[in-house]
Amino acid sequence: MEMSHWGELLGYALAIGFSPLHLALLLLLLLGPRPLRRGAFLVLSWLLMNAVVIGLLLGVGHEFLLTMEKGTSHRTGLDLLAAGAFFALGLKALSGGLAAGEGQPEWSRQLDRLLALPLPLLLLLSAALQVAGPDDLFLYAKAAGALLRPGWDGLQDTALTLGFSGMTSLLLLVPLLACAVAGQERLRPFLSRLKEGLDRYGQGLVGVICIALALLAGWQGVEGLRLGGAMAMAG
């Protein structure tokens, strides 16, 4: 796989990983009782959910023999559809981010209710929310399209699935590992400020990321149309 593909995958992984709700939930767990145990379970559930979603999408791709090379109809259609969806979601997130600057956002106010749940139920609800947003679903589809290679066996797909899942967890692993190394008490002021920053700027940053993804997907879609037309004329 070329370096450009790995760069594209890293962008999708970090976009998935930048979930203000899950990041804030992890920070609150790290500020509470048994921080490392509860935080580690949240990160593990995040990893497993990503692996399941990407694995299923790769399985569907192989089952229907979808080709995701630039210029193919499947890839071009997904790119153009994703561009429109990301642009709409980006505008919505930016407007929500402006409103959040005036006070605590609604998703943040709901976190106290989530923290009151038993840990197994909290992890199940967190996993469900992980794939509930249309922006994440498009990101998973784009990532699976970049990973899909016709003729690859299950072992190669499994390795790529686990590798991509690990990439999506980078933003969650940083505060967890920092807490493990430095300790909860020493990091408490930093974790609290980070949570406040997510409340204030998280939604706006999601909007900026979505707009950037819309531009990328739109450019890829236009390139795909151009290449598809060239291939049709050559054929």
Protein backbone atom coordinates (compact mmCIF):
# COMPACT_ATOMS: atom_id res chain seq x y z
CA MET A 1 0.00 0.00 0.00
CA GLU A 2 1.42 3.39 -1.00
CA MET A 3 2.32 6.10 1.50
CA SER A 4 -0.42 8.32 0.08
CA HIS A 5 -2.97 5.66 1.04
CA TRP A 6 -1.56 5.49 4.57
CA GLY A 7 -1.77 9.27 4.84
CA GLU A 8 -5.37 9.17 3.68
CA LEU A 9 -6.18 6.42 6.19
CA LEU A 10 -4.52 8.33 9.02
CA GLY A 11 -6.69 11.36 8.17
CA TYR A 12 -9.85 9.25 8.30
CA ALA A 13 -8.72 7.57 11.53
CA LEU A 14 -7.99 10.85 13.31
CA ALA A 15 -11.29 12.32 12.07
CA ILE A 16 -13.14 9.33 13.54
CA GLY A 17 -11.06 9.52 16.71
CA PHE A 18 -11.84 13.20 17.26
CA SER A 19 -15.20 12.61 18.89
CA PRO A 20 -15.77 15.35 21.50
CA LEU A 21 -18.32 13.21 23.32
CA HIS A 22 -16.05 10.17 23.68
CA LEU A 23 -12.98 12.26 24.47
CA ALA A 24 -14.88 14.17 27.14
CA LEU A 25 -16.31 10.93 28.50
CA LEU A 26 -12.80 9.48 28.78
CA LEU A 27 -11.54 12.62 30.54
CA LEU A 28 -14.35 12.42 33.07
CA LEU A 29 -13.58 8.76 33.69
CA LEU A 30 -9.93 9.64 34.23
CA LEU A 31 -10.99 12.31 36.73
CA GLY A 32 -13.21 9.88 38.64
CA PRO A 33 -12.69 6.74 40.73
CA ARG A 34 -10.61 3.85 39.31
CA PRO A 35 -9.51 6.02 36.37
CA LEU A 36 -7.12 3.64 34.61
CA ARG A 37 -9.43 0.62 34.79
CA ARG A 38 -12.52 2.46 33.59
CA GLY A 39 -10.64 4.49 31.00
CA ALA A 40 -8.91 1.40 29.61
CA PHE A 41 -12.25 -0.39 29.22
CA LEU A 42 -13.64 2.60 27.29
CA VAL A 43 -10.64 2.67 24.93
CA LEU A 44 -10.84 -1.11 24.46
CA SER A 45 -14.53 -0.94 23.58
CA TRP A 46 -13.70 1.85 21.10
CA LEU A 47 -11.05 -0.33 19.46
CA LEU A 48 -13.32 -3.37 19.23
CA MET A 49 -16.23 -1.38 17.77
CA ASN A 50 -14.03 0.13 15.09
CA ALA A 51 -12.61 -3.29 14.23
CA VAL A 52 -16.09 -4.78 13.92
CA VAL A 53 -17.39 -1.97 11.67
CA ILE A 54 -14.36 -1.93 9.36
CA GLY A 55 -14.27 -5.74 9.24
CA LEU A 56 -17.93 -5.89 8.23
CA LEU A 57 -17.47 -3.25 5.54
CA LEU A 58 -14.46 -5.06 4.10
CA GLY A 59 -16.44 -8.30 4.11
CA VAL A 60 -19.27 -6.65 2.21
CA GLY A 61 -16.82 -5.19 -0.27
CA HIS A 62 -15.28 -8.57 -1.00
CA GLU A 63 -18.66 -10.29 -1.08
CA PHE A 64 -19.97 -7.97 -3.78
CA LEU A 65 -16.57 -7.63 -5.50
CA LEU A 66 -16.63 -3.86 -5.16
CA THR A 67 -13.69 -2.03 -6.68
CA MET A 68 -12.57 1.15 -4.97
CA GLU A 69 -9.83 2.34 -7.30
CA LYS A 70 -9.96 5.98 -8.35
CA GLY A 71 -12.22 6.33 -11.38
CA THR A 72 -14.45 3.33 -10.69
CA SER A 73 -18.17 3.95 -10.31
CA HIS A 74 -18.30 2.68 -6.71
CA ARG A 75 -15.43 4.90 -5.57
CA THR A 76 -16.60 7.98 -7.48
CA GLY A 77 -20.19 7.64 -6.27
CA LEU A 78 -19.08 7.27 -2.65
CA ASP A 79 -16.73 10.26 -2.95
CA LEU A 80 -19.40 12.58 -4.32
CA LEU A 81 -22.03 11.40 -1.84
CA ALA A 82 -19.58 11.78 1.03
CA ALA A 83 -18.61 15.29 -0.11
CA GLY A 84 -22.20 16.50 0.06
CA ALA A 85 -22.83 14.80 3.41
CA PHE A 86 -19.62 16.12 4.99
CA PHE A 87 -20.35 19.66 3.80
CA ALA A 88 -23.86 19.62 5.29
CA LEU A 89 -22.62 18.11 8.54
CA GLY A 90 -19.77 20.61 8.69
CA LEU A 91 -22.12 23.58 8.40
CA LYS A 92 -24.37 22.08 11.08
CA ALA A 93 -21.44 21.45 13.43
CA LEU A 94 -20.06 24.96 12.89
CA SER A 95 -23.41 26.52 13.74
CA GLY A 96 -23.61 24.29 16.81
CA GLY A 97 -20.08 25.30 17.77
CA LEU A 98 -20.99 28.98 17.67
CA ALA A 99 -23.95 28.30 19.94
CA ALA A 100 -21.76 26.24 22.28
CA GLY A 101 -19.48 29.24 22.78
CA GLU A 102 -22.31 30.80 24.75
CA GLY A 103 -22.48 27.95 27.29
CA GLN A 104 -22.05 24.23 27.89
CA PRO A 105 -23.22 22.22 24.85
CA GLU A 106 -26.11 19.79 25.15
CA TRP A 107 -23.99 16.68 24.55
CA SER A 108 -21.72 17.70 27.43
CA ARG A 109 -24.65 18.17 29.79
CA GLN A 110 -25.74 14.59 29.08
CA LEU A 111 -22.41 13.12 30.17
CA ASP A 112 -23.33 13.17 33.86
CA ARG A 113 -26.22 10.82 33.09
CA LEU A 114 -23.90 8.49 31.20
CA LEU A 115 -21.38 8.42 34.05
CA ALA A 116 -24.12 7.35 36.46
CA LEU A 117 -24.68 4.15 34.46
CA PRO A 118 -23.01 0.84 35.37
CA LEU A 119 -19.77 0.43 33.42
CA PRO A 120 -20.98 -2.42 31.12
CA LEU A 121 -24.07 -0.41 30.12
CA LEU A 122 -21.96 2.71 29.70
CA LEU A 123 -19.62 0.87 27.31
CA LEU A 124 -22.52 -0.52 25.27
CA LEU A 125 -24.12 2.91 24.94
CA SER A 126 -20.75 4.45 24.06
CA ALA A 127 -20.25 1.85 21.32
CA ALA A 128 -23.72 2.54 19.92
CA LEU A 129 -23.07 6.29 19.86
CA GLN A 130 -19.78 5.61 18.11
CA VAL A 131 -21.57 4.65 14.87
CA ALA A 132 -24.76 6.66 15.34
CA GLY A 133 -23.59 9.77 13.48
CA PRO A 134 -23.74 9.91 9.67
CA ASP A 135 -20.34 11.58 9.55
CA ASP A 136 -18.71 8.57 11.21
CA LEU A 137 -20.54 6.15 8.91
CA PHE A 138 -19.21 7.96 5.85
CA LEU A 139 -15.72 8.00 7.36
CA TYR A 140 -15.89 4.25 7.99
CA ALA A 141 -17.08 3.69 4.42
CA LYS A 142 -14.30 5.86 2.99
CA ALA A 143 -11.69 4.12 5.14
CA ALA A 144 -12.95 0.68 4.13
CA GLY A 145 -12.84 1.77 0.49
CA ALA A 146 -9.21 2.82 0.89
CA LEU A 147 -8.38 -0.48 2.61
CA LEU A 148 -10.26 -2.75 0.20
CA ARG A 149 -8.01 -4.67 -2.17
CA PRO A 150 -9.56 -7.39 -4.38
CA GLY A 151 -7.92 -10.76 -3.93
CA TRP A 152 -6.60 -10.13 -0.42
CA ASP A 153 -7.19 -12.92 2.07
CA GLY A 154 -8.76 -12.76 5.51
CA LEU A 155 -5.40 -12.50 7.28
CA GLN A 156 -4.44 -9.35 5.36
CA ASP A 157 -7.87 -7.83 5.97
CA THR A 158 -7.62 -8.64 9.68
CA ALA A 159 -4.19 -7.03 9.97
CA LEU A 160 -5.35 -3.86 8.21
CA THR A 161 -8.54 -3.75 10.26
CA LEU A 162 -6.62 -3.97 13.54
CA GLY A 163 -4.05 -1.45 12.33
CA PHE A 164 -6.70 1.07 11.33
CA SER A 165 -8.59 0.55 14.61
CA GLY A 166 -5.38 1.33 16.47
CA MET A 167 -4.96 4.52 14.46
CA THR A 168 -8.47 5.67 15.40
CA SER A 169 -7.64 5.32 19.10
CA LEU A 170 -4.54 7.56 19.11
CA LEU A 171 -6.36 10.60 20.49
CA LEU A 172 -7.92 8.50 23.26
CA LEU A 173 -4.67 6.74 24.14
CA VAL A 174 -2.73 9.96 24.77
CA PRO A 175 -4.63 11.07 27.93
CA LEU A 176 -4.98 7.45 29.13
CA LEU A 177 -1.24 6.75 28.87
CA ALA A 178 -0.40 10.17 30.33
CA CYS A 179 -2.58 9.38 33.34
CA ALA A 180 -0.91 5.97 33.70
CA VAL A 181 2.56 7.53 33.66
CA ALA A 182 2.05 10.78 35.58
CA GLY A 183 -0.85 9.81 37.84
CA GLN A 184 -4.35 11.18 38.20
CA GLU A 185 -3.65 13.84 40.80
CA ARG A 186 -0.79 15.46 38.88
CA LEU A 187 -2.85 15.56 35.68
CA ARG A 188 -6.15 16.62 37.23
CA PRO A 189 -5.80 20.37 36.39
CA PHE A 190 -4.74 19.59 32.82
CA LEU A 191 -7.56 17.08 32.27
CA SER A 192 -10.08 19.57 33.62
CA ARG A 193 -8.86 22.32 31.28
CA LEU A 194 -8.89 19.90 28.36
CA LYS A 195 -12.51 19.00 29.14
CA GLU A 196 -13.44 22.70 29.23
CA GLY A 197 -11.69 23.22 25.89
CA LEU A 198 -13.69 20.38 24.33
CA ASP A 199 -16.92 21.88 25.63
CA ARG A 200 -16.07 25.25 24.09
CA TYR A 201 -14.32 24.37 20.84
CA GLY A 202 -14.99 20.70 20.16
CA GLN A 203 -18.09 21.13 18.03
CA GLY A 204 -16.51 23.89 15.97
CA LEU A 205 -13.42 21.76 15.33
CA VAL A 206 -15.66 18.92 14.16
CA GLY A 207 -17.23 21.35 11.70
CA VAL A 208 -13.85 22.42 10.35
CA ILE A 209 -12.80 18.76 9.97
CA CYS A 210 -16.04 17.94 8.11
CA ILE A 211 -15.58 20.87 5.71
CA ALA A 212 -11.99 19.77 5.02
CA LEU A 213 -13.19 16.21 4.38
CA ALA A 214 -15.90 17.54 2.07
CA LEU A 215 -13.29 19.36 0.00
CA LEU A 216 -11.09 16.25 -0.12
CA ALA A 217 -13.94 13.92 -1.06
CA GLY A 218 -15.23 16.40 -3.65
CA TRP A 219 -11.80 16.65 -5.26
CA GLN A 220 -11.48 12.87 -5.30
CA GLY A 221 -14.95 12.57 -6.84
CA VAL A 222 -14.18 15.07 -9.61
CA GLU A 223 -10.89 13.28 -10.30
CA GLY A 224 -12.81 10.02 -10.42
CA LEU A 225 -15.26 11.41 -12.95
CA ARG A 226 -12.40 12.63 -15.08
CA LEU A 227 -10.57 9.31 -14.94
CA GLY A 228 -13.79 7.37 -15.52
CA GLY A 229 -14.51 9.42 -18.61
CA ALA A 230 -10.97 8.90 -19.87
CA MET A 231 -11.23 5.14 -19.35
CA ALA A 232 -14.59 5.02 -21.13
CA MET A 233 -13.17 6.87 -24.11
CA ALA A 234 -10.10 4.62 -24.18
CA GLY A 235 -12.32 1.56 -24.06
